[in-house]
Amino acid sequence: MTTSNSSSKNGPNTSADRALKAWHDGGIIFVRFASGHEVRFPIKGNPRLESAEEADLGCIEISPFGLHWPKLDEDLSLAGILDGRYGQHQPAGNR
């Protein structure tokens, strides 16, 4: 995960900031927050996102709590994304 356009050391905070826009481009999901922060993460490793069609990857709904891909039945919380958890596989020993 990468955070850019950061004006604070910690980046966006889900209790004080909100996602305004989310999109897919070239295997990366981007999320732009009201504060101007931008977070991005790869679809690789997330079984539903990685195997999805391009059109379905771009159909992202934003709620106060996270991102939802209706056609993929995938939901990711903003808190989880900011913590580096975006639906990737975990090794069997780490579950």
Protein backbone atom coordinates (compact mmCIF):
# COMPACT_ATOMS: atom_id res chain seq x y z
CA MET A 1 0.00 0.00 0.00
CA THR A 2 1.19 3.49 -0.74
CA THR A 3 -0.01 6.80 0.63
CA SER A 4 0.77 10.00 -1.23
CA ASN A 5 -0.13 13.69 -1.04
CA SER A 6 0.25 13.35 2.70
CA SER A 7 0.29 16.50 4.78
CA SER A 8 0.46 14.60 8.07
CA LYS A 9 2.76 11.84 9.22
CA ASN A 10 -0.01 9.32 9.64
CA GLY A 11 -2.04 9.81 6.47
CA PRO A 12 -5.83 9.55 6.43
CA ASN A 13 -7.78 8.62 9.55
CA THR A 14 -11.15 6.95 9.01
CA SER A 15 -12.70 8.68 12.01
CA ALA A 16 -11.71 12.16 10.79
CA ASP A 17 -11.58 11.73 7.01
CA ARG A 18 -13.84 10.19 4.38
CA ALA A 19 -13.27 8.53 1.04
CA LEU A 20 -14.52 10.65 -1.84
CA LYS A 21 -13.48 8.63 -4.86
CA ALA A 22 -12.24 5.12 -5.63
CA TRP A 23 -11.11 3.71 -8.96
CA HIS A 24 -9.10 0.96 -10.61
CA ASP A 25 -6.22 1.49 -13.01
CA GLY A 26 -3.63 -1.03 -14.16
CA GLY A 27 -4.09 -3.57 -11.37
CA ILE A 28 -4.15 -0.91 -8.64
CA ILE A 29 -7.11 0.36 -6.58
CA PHE A 30 -6.90 4.06 -5.72
CA VAL A 31 -8.84 5.78 -2.95
CA ARG A 32 -8.89 9.58 -2.59
CA PHE A 33 -9.92 11.09 0.74
CA ALA A 34 -11.50 14.48 1.46
CA SER A 35 -8.24 15.57 3.08
CA GLY A 36 -6.43 15.11 -0.23
CA HIS A 37 -4.65 11.93 0.85
CA GLU A 38 -4.57 9.16 -1.71
CA VAL A 39 -4.14 5.49 -0.87
CA ARG A 40 -3.47 2.75 -3.41
CA PHE A 41 -3.09 -0.99 -3.21
CA PRO A 42 -2.70 -3.86 -5.70
CA ILE A 43 -5.51 -6.23 -6.64
CA LYS A 44 -2.95 -9.03 -6.76
CA GLY A 45 -3.46 -11.45 -3.88
CA ASN A 46 -7.14 -10.65 -3.40
CA PRO A 47 -8.92 -13.64 -5.01
CA ARG A 48 -12.09 -11.78 -5.99
CA LEU A 49 -10.39 -8.67 -7.32
CA GLU A 50 -7.55 -10.50 -9.05
CA SER A 51 -9.89 -12.75 -11.04
CA ALA A 52 -12.42 -10.02 -11.89
CA GLU A 53 -13.23 -8.48 -15.24
CA GLU A 54 -11.95 -4.96 -15.86
CA ALA A 55 -15.47 -3.47 -15.94
CA ASP A 56 -16.34 -5.03 -12.58
CA LEU A 57 -13.15 -3.74 -10.96
CA GLY A 58 -14.13 -0.20 -11.87
CA CYS A 59 -17.60 -0.50 -10.33
CA ILE A 60 -16.74 0.54 -6.75
CA GLU A 61 -19.26 1.83 -4.24
CA ILE A 62 -18.04 3.92 -1.31
CA SER A 63 -19.66 3.85 2.12
CA PRO A 64 -18.56 5.56 5.33
CA PHE A 65 -16.97 2.24 6.31
CA GLY A 66 -15.32 0.98 3.15
CA LEU A 67 -15.39 -0.06 -0.47
CA HIS A 68 -17.87 -2.45 -2.06
CA TRP A 69 -17.76 -4.17 -5.46
CA PRO A 70 -21.41 -5.22 -6.00
CA LYS A 71 -20.83 -7.61 -8.90
CA LEU A 72 -17.91 -9.27 -7.11
CA ASP A 73 -19.53 -9.53 -3.65
CA GLU A 74 -16.35 -8.03 -2.19
CA ASP A 75 -16.13 -5.56 0.68
CA LEU A 76 -13.00 -3.98 2.16
CA SER A 77 -13.07 -1.71 5.19
CA LEU A 78 -11.23 1.60 5.00
CA ALA A 79 -9.63 0.85 8.37
CA GLY A 80 -8.36 -2.48 7.03
CA ILE A 81 -7.04 -0.92 3.83
CA LEU A 82 -5.19 1.73 5.82
CA ASP A 83 -3.75 -1.06 7.97
CA GLY A 84 -2.49 -2.93 4.88
CA ARG A 85 -5.23 -5.58 4.82
CA TYR A 86 -6.97 -5.61 1.48
CA GLY A 87 -8.25 -9.15 1.14
CA GLN A 88 -5.00 -10.85 0.26
CA HIS A 89 -4.42 -14.53 1.00
CA GLN A 90 -2.90 -15.32 4.37
CA PRO A 91 -0.49 -18.27 4.72
CA ALA A 92 -2.17 -21.22 6.49
CA GLY A 93 -0.04 -20.71 9.62
CA ASN A 94 -1.15 -17.07 9.97
CA ARG A 95 -4.91 -17.60 10.08
